[in-house]
Amino acid sequence: MPDDNIYDIPVTALDGTPGTLAPYRGHVMLVVNVASKCGFTPQYAGLEELYRRYKDRGFVVLGFPCNQFLWQERGDPGEIAGFCSTTYGVTFPLFEKVKVNGPGTHQLFRHLKAARRGLLWTKAIKWNFTKFLVSRDGEVVARYGTSTKPEKLVGAIEKLLA
């Protein structure tokens, strides 16, 4: 497990407000690198459905836009927020664009990738909509690839919320 405490990692909300993940301590978190112009963008609807279904039980989806995969998130914060709310009714927290691979990888994604490797034990994130499931105590318990639809996570989420 990485040395950093996930709750101390600095993050910046999509509106530019700096903070950490401390407000989500005690929550089950699903951290996702998202993009507006991707073939998997319709997963926003499924992520929002999970959030609405379980938020009152201590679950949160955290979306981190990423422009590293074929420039599929070119928008500025206002455009991203507008697209997500208008097209998919997104109400879960969104954050500033981040890098998830290579030089400049955001500290959160360094932490997540170190805790849970991907297919064939690789650290690199292969595409948008990679999902990391984090328990109430901050342990990264699972990593799901792009093609795993949000509704397939129901069982794992319910287990962590029990």
N, C-alpha and C. Protein backbone atom coordinates (compact mmCIF):
# COMPACT_ATOMS: atom_id res chain seq x y z
N MET A 1 0.86 -1.19 0.00
CA MET A 1 0.00 0.00 0.00
C MET A 1 0.89 1.24 0.00
N PRO A 2 0.55 2.24 -0.78
CA PRO A 2 1.33 3.46 -0.81
C PRO A 2 1.37 4.13 0.57
N ASP A 3 2.41 4.92 0.77
CA ASP A 3 2.59 5.58 2.06
C ASP A 3 1.61 6.73 2.29
N ASP A 4 1.22 7.43 1.22
CA ASP A 4 0.37 8.60 1.43
C ASP A 4 -1.03 8.18 1.87
N ASN A 5 -1.59 9.02 2.69
CA ASN A 5 -2.96 8.84 3.14
C ASN A 5 -3.85 9.45 2.05
N ILE A 6 -4.74 8.67 1.50
CA ILE A 6 -5.57 9.13 0.39
C ILE A 6 -6.34 10.41 0.74
N TYR A 7 -6.70 10.56 2.01
CA TYR A 7 -7.51 11.72 2.41
C TYR A 7 -6.71 13.01 2.47
N ASP A 8 -5.38 12.91 2.50
CA ASP A 8 -4.52 14.10 2.55
C ASP A 8 -4.09 14.58 1.17
N ILE A 9 -4.41 13.84 0.14
CA ILE A 9 -3.97 14.19 -1.21
C ILE A 9 -4.71 15.44 -1.68
N PRO A 10 -3.96 16.46 -2.12
CA PRO A 10 -4.60 17.69 -2.61
C PRO A 10 -5.36 17.45 -3.92
N VAL A 11 -6.55 17.97 -3.99
CA VAL A 11 -7.36 17.94 -5.20
C VAL A 11 -7.97 19.33 -5.39
N THR A 12 -8.37 19.62 -6.60
CA THR A 12 -9.01 20.90 -6.89
C THR A 12 -10.34 20.63 -7.57
N ALA A 13 -11.40 21.16 -6.98
CA ALA A 13 -12.74 21.00 -7.56
C ALA A 13 -12.79 21.65 -8.94
N LEU A 14 -13.74 21.25 -9.75
CA LEU A 14 -13.87 21.77 -11.10
C LEU A 14 -14.05 23.29 -11.10
N ASP A 15 -14.61 23.84 -10.03
CA ASP A 15 -14.79 25.30 -9.94
C ASP A 15 -13.53 26.01 -9.47
N GLY A 16 -12.43 25.28 -9.27
CA GLY A 16 -11.16 25.88 -8.87
C GLY A 16 -10.90 25.89 -7.37
N THR A 17 -11.84 25.40 -6.57
CA THR A 17 -11.67 25.38 -5.12
C THR A 17 -10.69 24.29 -4.72
N PRO A 18 -9.58 24.67 -4.05
CA PRO A 18 -8.62 23.66 -3.62
C PRO A 18 -9.13 22.93 -2.38
N GLY A 19 -8.70 21.70 -2.23
CA GLY A 19 -9.08 20.92 -1.06
C GLY A 19 -8.34 19.60 -1.04
N THR A 20 -8.88 18.65 -0.31
CA THR A 20 -8.35 17.29 -0.23
C THR A 20 -9.55 16.34 -0.30
N LEU A 21 -9.28 15.08 -0.16
CA LEU A 21 -10.36 14.10 -0.12
C LEU A 21 -10.89 13.88 1.30
N ALA A 22 -10.42 14.67 2.26
CA ALA A 22 -10.85 14.54 3.66
C ALA A 22 -12.37 14.57 3.83
N PRO A 23 -13.12 15.38 3.07
CA PRO A 23 -14.58 15.37 3.25
C PRO A 23 -15.22 14.02 2.95
N TYR A 24 -14.49 13.14 2.28
CA TYR A 24 -15.03 11.83 1.90
C TYR A 24 -14.55 10.71 2.81
N ARG A 25 -13.83 11.07 3.88
CA ARG A 25 -13.41 10.07 4.86
C ARG A 25 -14.67 9.38 5.39
N GLY A 26 -14.62 8.06 5.46
CA GLY A 26 -15.78 7.30 5.92
C GLY A 26 -16.77 6.95 4.83
N HIS A 27 -16.53 7.44 3.61
CA HIS A 27 -17.38 7.12 2.47
C HIS A 27 -16.74 6.01 1.64
N VAL A 28 -17.55 5.27 0.94
CA VAL A 28 -17.06 4.40 -0.12
C VAL A 28 -16.94 5.31 -1.34
N MET A 29 -15.75 5.33 -1.94
CA MET A 29 -15.50 6.23 -3.08
C MET A 29 -15.26 5.41 -4.35
N LEU A 30 -15.80 5.91 -5.45
CA LEU A 30 -15.48 5.38 -6.77
C LEU A 30 -14.81 6.52 -7.52
N VAL A 31 -13.51 6.40 -7.73
CA VAL A 31 -12.73 7.44 -8.40
C VAL A 31 -12.57 7.04 -9.86
N VAL A 32 -12.94 7.97 -10.77
CA VAL A 32 -12.98 7.65 -12.20
C VAL A 32 -12.33 8.77 -13.00
N ASN A 33 -11.46 8.39 -13.96
CA ASN A 33 -10.98 9.39 -14.91
C ASN A 33 -11.98 9.44 -16.06
N VAL A 34 -12.53 10.61 -16.28
CA VAL A 34 -13.66 10.78 -17.20
C VAL A 34 -13.29 11.67 -18.39
N ALA A 35 -14.10 11.62 -19.43
CA ALA A 35 -13.90 12.47 -20.61
C ALA A 35 -15.23 12.64 -21.34
N SER A 36 -15.40 13.79 -21.96
CA SER A 36 -16.66 14.15 -22.60
C SER A 36 -16.81 13.70 -24.04
N LYS A 37 -15.70 13.37 -24.69
CA LYS A 37 -15.75 13.04 -26.12
C LYS A 37 -15.22 11.64 -26.37
N CYS A 38 -15.60 10.70 -25.55
CA CYS A 38 -15.07 9.34 -25.59
C CYS A 38 -16.21 8.38 -25.92
N GLY A 39 -15.89 7.26 -26.53
CA GLY A 39 -16.90 6.26 -26.79
C GLY A 39 -17.55 5.71 -25.52
N PHE A 40 -16.86 5.89 -24.39
CA PHE A 40 -17.38 5.42 -23.11
C PHE A 40 -18.08 6.53 -22.31
N THR A 41 -18.17 7.72 -22.87
CA THR A 41 -18.79 8.85 -22.18
C THR A 41 -20.20 8.53 -21.67
N PRO A 42 -21.00 7.72 -22.37
CA PRO A 42 -22.32 7.39 -21.83
C PRO A 42 -22.27 6.73 -20.44
N GLN A 43 -21.10 6.28 -20.00
CA GLN A 43 -20.99 5.74 -18.64
C GLN A 43 -21.29 6.80 -17.59
N TYR A 44 -21.22 8.07 -17.95
CA TYR A 44 -21.61 9.12 -17.01
C TYR A 44 -23.00 8.84 -16.44
N ALA A 45 -23.91 8.36 -17.30
CA ALA A 45 -25.28 8.08 -16.85
C ALA A 45 -25.28 6.99 -15.78
N GLY A 46 -24.53 5.93 -16.00
CA GLY A 46 -24.46 4.85 -15.03
C GLY A 46 -23.78 5.27 -13.74
N LEU A 47 -22.75 6.09 -13.85
CA LEU A 47 -22.07 6.59 -12.65
C LEU A 47 -23.02 7.46 -11.83
N GLU A 48 -23.78 8.31 -12.51
CA GLU A 48 -24.74 9.16 -11.81
C GLU A 48 -25.83 8.31 -11.16
N GLU A 49 -26.27 7.26 -11.84
CA GLU A 49 -27.28 6.37 -11.26
C GLU A 49 -26.76 5.71 -9.98
N LEU A 50 -25.51 5.24 -10.00
CA LEU A 50 -24.91 4.65 -8.79
C LEU A 50 -24.85 5.68 -7.67
N TYR A 51 -24.41 6.89 -8.02
CA TYR A 51 -24.29 7.95 -7.01
C TYR A 51 -25.64 8.24 -6.37
N ARG A 52 -26.66 8.43 -7.18
CA ARG A 52 -27.99 8.74 -6.63
C ARG A 52 -28.55 7.59 -5.80
N ARG A 53 -28.28 6.38 -6.25
CA ARG A 53 -28.81 5.20 -5.56
C ARG A 53 -28.19 5.01 -4.17
N TYR A 54 -26.89 5.31 -4.04
CA TYR A 54 -26.17 4.97 -2.82
C TYR A 54 -25.63 6.15 -2.02
N LYS A 55 -25.79 7.37 -2.48
CA LYS A 55 -25.17 8.51 -1.78
C LYS A 55 -25.67 8.67 -0.35
N ASP A 56 -26.91 8.34 -0.09
CA ASP A 56 -27.44 8.48 1.26
C ASP A 56 -26.92 7.40 2.21
N ARG A 57 -26.23 6.41 1.64
CA ARG A 57 -25.63 5.35 2.46
C ARG A 57 -24.12 5.54 2.61
N GLY A 58 -23.60 6.68 2.14
CA GLY A 58 -22.18 6.96 2.32
C GLY A 58 -21.32 6.59 1.12
N PHE A 59 -21.88 6.67 -0.07
CA PHE A 59 -21.14 6.38 -1.31
C PHE A 59 -21.00 7.65 -2.12
N VAL A 60 -19.85 7.81 -2.78
CA VAL A 60 -19.65 8.96 -3.64
C VAL A 60 -18.85 8.56 -4.88
N VAL A 61 -19.22 9.13 -6.01
CA VAL A 61 -18.45 9.03 -7.24
C VAL A 61 -17.64 10.32 -7.35
N LEU A 62 -16.37 10.21 -7.66
CA LEU A 62 -15.50 11.37 -7.84
C LEU A 62 -14.96 11.31 -9.26
N GLY A 63 -15.32 12.29 -10.08
CA GLY A 63 -14.91 12.32 -11.48
C GLY A 63 -13.75 13.25 -11.72
N PHE A 64 -12.71 12.74 -12.38
CA PHE A 64 -11.52 13.52 -12.69
C PHE A 64 -11.33 13.54 -14.20
N PRO A 65 -11.73 14.64 -14.86
CA PRO A 65 -11.54 14.74 -16.31
C PRO A 65 -10.07 14.57 -16.69
N CYS A 66 -9.85 13.94 -17.82
CA CYS A 66 -8.50 13.67 -18.30
C CYS A 66 -8.48 13.84 -19.81
N ASN A 67 -7.46 14.54 -20.31
CA ASN A 67 -7.34 14.82 -21.74
C ASN A 67 -6.18 14.04 -22.36
N GLN A 68 -5.72 12.99 -21.71
CA GLN A 68 -4.54 12.27 -22.17
C GLN A 68 -4.81 11.22 -23.24
N PHE A 69 -6.04 10.86 -23.47
CA PHE A 69 -6.36 9.79 -24.41
C PHE A 69 -7.07 10.39 -25.63
N LEU A 70 -6.30 10.62 -26.67
CA LEU A 70 -6.79 11.21 -27.92
C LEU A 70 -7.52 12.53 -27.70
N TRP A 71 -7.09 13.30 -26.72
CA TRP A 71 -7.63 14.65 -26.47
C TRP A 71 -9.14 14.64 -26.38
N GLN A 72 -9.68 13.70 -25.61
CA GLN A 72 -11.13 13.54 -25.53
C GLN A 72 -11.78 14.37 -24.43
N GLU A 73 -10.97 15.21 -23.78
CA GLU A 73 -11.53 16.16 -22.80
C GLU A 73 -10.83 17.50 -22.98
N ARG A 74 -11.22 18.20 -24.04
CA ARG A 74 -10.57 19.47 -24.38
C ARG A 74 -11.20 20.67 -23.69
N GLY A 75 -12.39 20.50 -23.16
CA GLY A 75 -13.14 21.63 -22.62
C GLY A 75 -12.52 22.27 -21.40
N ASP A 76 -12.91 23.52 -21.18
CA ASP A 76 -12.50 24.20 -19.95
C ASP A 76 -13.47 23.79 -18.84
N PRO A 77 -13.20 24.16 -17.60
CA PRO A 77 -14.08 23.71 -16.50
C PRO A 77 -15.55 24.03 -16.71
N GLY A 78 -15.86 25.20 -17.22
CA GLY A 78 -17.26 25.56 -17.45
C GLY A 78 -17.92 24.67 -18.50
N GLU A 79 -17.19 24.39 -19.57
CA GLU A 79 -17.72 23.53 -20.63
C GLU A 79 -17.93 22.10 -20.11
N ILE A 80 -16.98 21.63 -19.32
CA ILE A 80 -17.10 20.27 -18.77
C ILE A 80 -18.31 20.19 -17.85
N ALA A 81 -18.44 21.15 -16.95
CA ALA A 81 -19.57 21.16 -16.00
C ALA A 81 -20.89 21.24 -16.75
N GLY A 82 -20.96 22.11 -17.73
CA GLY A 82 -22.19 22.27 -18.51
C GLY A 82 -22.56 21.01 -19.26
N PHE A 83 -21.58 20.40 -19.91
CA PHE A 83 -21.83 19.17 -20.65
C PHE A 83 -22.34 18.07 -19.71
N CYS A 84 -21.65 17.88 -18.60
CA CYS A 84 -22.01 16.79 -17.68
C CYS A 84 -23.39 16.98 -17.07
N SER A 85 -23.72 18.21 -16.68
CA SER A 85 -25.02 18.42 -16.05
C SER A 85 -26.15 18.41 -17.08
N THR A 86 -25.93 19.01 -18.23
CA THR A 86 -26.98 19.08 -19.25
C THR A 86 -27.22 17.74 -19.94
N THR A 87 -26.14 17.06 -20.30
CA THR A 87 -26.26 15.83 -21.08
C THR A 87 -26.59 14.62 -20.23
N TYR A 88 -25.98 14.55 -19.02
CA TYR A 88 -26.14 13.34 -18.20
C TYR A 88 -26.70 13.61 -16.81
N GLY A 89 -27.04 14.84 -16.50
CA GLY A 89 -27.60 15.16 -15.19
C GLY A 89 -26.64 14.90 -14.04
N VAL A 90 -25.35 15.01 -14.30
CA VAL A 90 -24.34 14.69 -13.28
C VAL A 90 -24.44 15.64 -12.09
N THR A 91 -24.53 15.03 -10.92
CA THR A 91 -24.52 15.80 -9.66
C THR A 91 -23.37 15.37 -8.76
N PHE A 92 -22.68 14.29 -9.11
CA PHE A 92 -21.55 13.87 -8.27
C PHE A 92 -20.37 14.83 -8.47
N PRO A 93 -19.45 14.90 -7.50
CA PRO A 93 -18.35 15.86 -7.57
C PRO A 93 -17.41 15.62 -8.76
N LEU A 94 -17.09 16.72 -9.42
CA LEU A 94 -16.12 16.71 -10.51
C LEU A 94 -14.95 17.60 -10.11
N PHE A 95 -13.78 17.24 -10.59
CA PHE A 95 -12.56 17.94 -10.23
C PHE A 95 -11.86 18.46 -11.48
N GLU A 96 -10.81 19.25 -11.26
CA GLU A 96 -10.04 19.77 -12.39
C GLU A 96 -9.42 18.64 -13.18
N LYS A 97 -9.13 18.94 -14.44
CA LYS A 97 -8.46 17.97 -15.31
C LYS A 97 -7.15 17.54 -14.69
N VAL A 98 -6.85 16.25 -14.82
CA VAL A 98 -5.61 15.71 -14.28
C VAL A 98 -4.93 14.84 -15.33
N LYS A 99 -3.66 14.57 -15.08
CA LYS A 99 -2.93 13.56 -15.85
C LYS A 99 -2.94 12.29 -15.01
N VAL A 100 -3.18 11.16 -15.67
CA VAL A 100 -3.24 9.89 -14.96
C VAL A 100 -2.04 8.99 -15.28
N ASN A 101 -1.25 9.38 -16.26
CA ASN A 101 -0.06 8.63 -16.67
C ASN A 101 1.07 9.59 -16.99
N GLY A 102 2.29 9.06 -16.95
CA GLY A 102 3.46 9.81 -17.40
C GLY A 102 3.87 10.93 -16.47
N PRO A 103 4.76 11.80 -17.00
CA PRO A 103 5.21 12.94 -16.20
C PRO A 103 4.01 13.81 -15.83
N GLY A 104 3.98 14.23 -14.60
CA GLY A 104 2.88 15.08 -14.16
C GLY A 104 1.66 14.31 -13.71
N THR A 105 1.76 12.99 -13.56
CA THR A 105 0.62 12.21 -13.06
C THR A 105 0.18 12.78 -11.72
N HIS A 106 -1.10 13.01 -11.59
CA HIS A 106 -1.64 13.56 -10.34
C HIS A 106 -1.35 12.58 -9.20
N GLN A 107 -1.05 13.13 -8.03
CA GLN A 107 -0.72 12.33 -6.85
C GLN A 107 -1.79 11.29 -6.53
N LEU A 108 -3.06 11.64 -6.70
CA LEU A 108 -4.13 10.70 -6.42
C LEU A 108 -4.01 9.47 -7.31
N PHE A 109 -3.76 9.67 -8.58
CA PHE A 109 -3.68 8.54 -9.51
C PHE A 109 -2.38 7.76 -9.34
N ARG A 110 -1.32 8.41 -8.89
CA ARG A 110 -0.11 7.64 -8.51
C ARG A 110 -0.45 6.70 -7.36
N HIS A 111 -1.17 7.22 -6.38
CA HIS A 111 -1.59 6.43 -5.22
C HIS A 111 -2.49 5.26 -5.63
N LEU A 112 -3.51 5.55 -6.42
CA LEU A 112 -4.46 4.52 -6.84
C LEU A 112 -3.77 3.42 -7.65
N LYS A 113 -2.92 3.81 -8.60
CA LYS A 113 -2.25 2.84 -9.46
C LYS A 113 -1.24 1.99 -8.68
N ALA A 114 -0.62 2.58 -7.68
CA ALA A 114 0.32 1.81 -6.85
C ALA A 114 -0.41 0.79 -6.00
N ALA A 115 -1.63 1.12 -5.58
CA ALA A 115 -2.41 0.23 -4.73
C ALA A 115 -3.05 -0.91 -5.51
N ARG A 116 -3.50 -0.63 -6.72
CA ARG A 116 -4.18 -1.64 -7.55
C ARG A 116 -3.69 -1.54 -8.98
N ARG A 117 -2.97 -2.54 -9.39
CA ARG A 117 -2.48 -2.58 -10.77
C ARG A 117 -3.58 -3.06 -11.71
N GLY A 118 -3.36 -2.79 -12.98
CA GLY A 118 -4.33 -3.16 -13.99
C GLY A 118 -4.05 -4.52 -14.60
N LEU A 119 -4.59 -4.74 -15.78
CA LEU A 119 -4.44 -5.97 -16.52
C LEU A 119 -2.96 -6.30 -16.69
N LEU A 120 -2.60 -7.54 -16.46
CA LEU A 120 -1.22 -8.01 -16.57
C LEU A 120 -0.28 -7.25 -15.63
N TRP A 121 -0.82 -6.78 -14.51
CA TRP A 121 -0.06 -6.09 -13.45
C TRP A 121 0.55 -4.77 -13.89
N THR A 122 0.01 -4.16 -14.93
CA THR A 122 0.52 -2.86 -15.35
C THR A 122 -0.02 -1.77 -14.44
N LYS A 123 0.76 -0.73 -14.28
CA LYS A 123 0.29 0.42 -13.50
C LYS A 123 -0.48 1.40 -14.38
N ALA A 124 -0.04 1.55 -15.62
CA ALA A 124 -0.61 2.57 -16.50
C ALA A 124 -2.12 2.39 -16.68
N ILE A 125 -2.80 3.51 -16.73
CA ILE A 125 -4.22 3.52 -17.06
C ILE A 125 -4.32 3.48 -18.57
N LYS A 126 -5.13 2.58 -19.08
CA LYS A 126 -5.19 2.35 -20.53
C LYS A 126 -6.11 3.31 -21.27
N TRP A 127 -7.15 3.82 -20.59
CA TRP A 127 -8.11 4.68 -21.30
C TRP A 127 -8.99 5.40 -20.28
N ASN A 128 -9.85 6.25 -20.78
CA ASN A 128 -10.81 6.95 -19.94
C ASN A 128 -11.78 5.96 -19.29
N PHE A 129 -12.37 6.39 -18.18
CA PHE A 129 -13.37 5.63 -17.44
C PHE A 129 -12.79 4.37 -16.77
N THR A 130 -11.52 4.45 -16.36
CA THR A 130 -10.96 3.45 -15.46
C THR A 130 -11.48 3.82 -14.07
N LYS A 131 -11.89 2.81 -13.32
CA LYS A 131 -12.57 3.06 -12.04
C LYS A 131 -11.80 2.40 -10.89
N PHE A 132 -11.65 3.13 -9.79
CA PHE A 132 -11.01 2.62 -8.59
C PHE A 132 -12.02 2.68 -7.45
N LEU A 133 -12.26 1.56 -6.80
CA LEU A 133 -13.19 1.48 -5.69
C LEU A 133 -12.40 1.52 -4.39
N VAL A 134 -12.78 2.47 -3.52
CA VAL A 134 -12.05 2.72 -2.27
C VAL A 134 -13.01 2.50 -1.10
N SER A 135 -12.57 1.73 -0.11
CA SER A 135 -13.40 1.43 1.05
C SER A 135 -13.53 2.63 1.98
N ARG A 136 -14.40 2.50 2.97
CA ARG A 136 -14.63 3.58 3.94
C ARG A 136 -13.38 3.99 4.70
N ASP A 137 -12.41 3.06 4.83
CA ASP A 137 -11.19 3.37 5.56
C ASP A 137 -10.05 3.80 4.64
N GLY A 138 -10.34 4.05 3.37
CA GLY A 138 -9.36 4.58 2.45
C GLY A 138 -8.53 3.55 1.71
N GLU A 139 -8.88 2.27 1.84
CA GLU A 139 -8.14 1.22 1.14
C GLU A 139 -8.67 1.10 -0.29
N VAL A 140 -7.75 1.09 -1.24
CA VAL A 140 -8.13 0.89 -2.64
C VAL A 140 -8.36 -0.60 -2.82
N VAL A 141 -9.62 -1.00 -2.94
CA VAL A 141 -9.96 -2.42 -2.93
C VAL A 141 -10.11 -3.05 -4.31
N ALA A 142 -10.34 -2.24 -5.34
CA ALA A 142 -10.52 -2.80 -6.68
C ALA A 142 -10.25 -1.75 -7.75
N ARG A 143 -9.86 -2.26 -8.90
CA ARG A 143 -9.66 -1.44 -10.09
C ARG A 143 -10.42 -2.10 -11.23
N TYR A 144 -11.18 -1.29 -11.96
CA TYR A 144 -11.99 -1.80 -13.06
C TYR A 144 -11.61 -1.06 -14.34
N GLY A 145 -11.50 -1.79 -15.41
CA GLY A 145 -11.15 -1.21 -16.69
C GLY A 145 -12.30 -0.43 -17.31
N THR A 146 -11.96 0.23 -18.37
CA THR A 146 -12.88 1.07 -19.11
C THR A 146 -14.16 0.36 -19.51
N SER A 147 -14.05 -0.87 -19.94
CA SER A 147 -15.23 -1.58 -20.47
C SER A 147 -16.16 -2.09 -19.37
N THR A 148 -15.75 -2.01 -18.11
CA THR A 148 -16.64 -2.42 -17.02
C THR A 148 -17.68 -1.34 -16.80
N LYS A 149 -18.91 -1.67 -17.08
CA LYS A 149 -19.99 -0.70 -16.94
C LYS A 149 -20.29 -0.46 -15.46
N PRO A 150 -20.66 0.77 -15.11
CA PRO A 150 -20.94 1.09 -13.71
C PRO A 150 -21.91 0.13 -13.03
N GLU A 151 -22.94 -0.31 -13.73
CA GLU A 151 -23.93 -1.20 -13.10
C GLU A 151 -23.33 -2.54 -12.67
N LYS A 152 -22.19 -2.92 -13.23
CA LYS A 152 -21.53 -4.16 -12.84
C LYS A 152 -20.86 -4.04 -11.47
N LEU A 153 -20.79 -2.85 -10.92
CA LEU A 153 -20.13 -2.61 -9.63
C LEU A 153 -21.09 -2.68 -8.45
N VAL A 154 -22.37 -2.85 -8.70
CA VAL A 154 -23.38 -2.82 -7.65
C VAL A 154 -23.03 -3.77 -6.50
N GLY A 155 -22.70 -5.01 -6.81
CA GLY A 155 -22.41 -5.98 -5.77
C GLY A 155 -21.24 -5.58 -4.90
N ALA A 156 -20.16 -5.11 -5.53
CA ALA A 156 -18.97 -4.69 -4.79
C ALA A 156 -19.27 -3.47 -3.91
N ILE A 157 -20.05 -2.54 -4.44
CA ILE A 157 -20.41 -1.34 -3.69
C ILE A 157 -21.29 -1.73 -2.49
N GLU A 158 -22.29 -2.55 -2.73
CA GLU A 158 -23.18 -2.95 -1.64
C GLU A 158 -22.41 -3.68 -0.54
N LYS A 159 -21.45 -4.50 -0.92
CA LYS A 159 -20.64 -5.21 0.07
C LYS A 159 -19.88 -4.22 0.96
N LEU A 160 -19.31 -3.18 0.35
CA LEU A 160 -18.56 -2.19 1.12
C LEU A 160 -19.46 -1.29 1.96
N LEU A 161 -20.69 -1.13 1.54
CA LEU A 161 -21.63 -0.28 2.30
C LEU A 161 -22.31 -1.03 3.44
N ALA A 162 -22.24 -2.36 3.41
CA ALA A 162 -22.92 -3.18 4.43
C ALA A 162 -22.37 -2.95 5.82
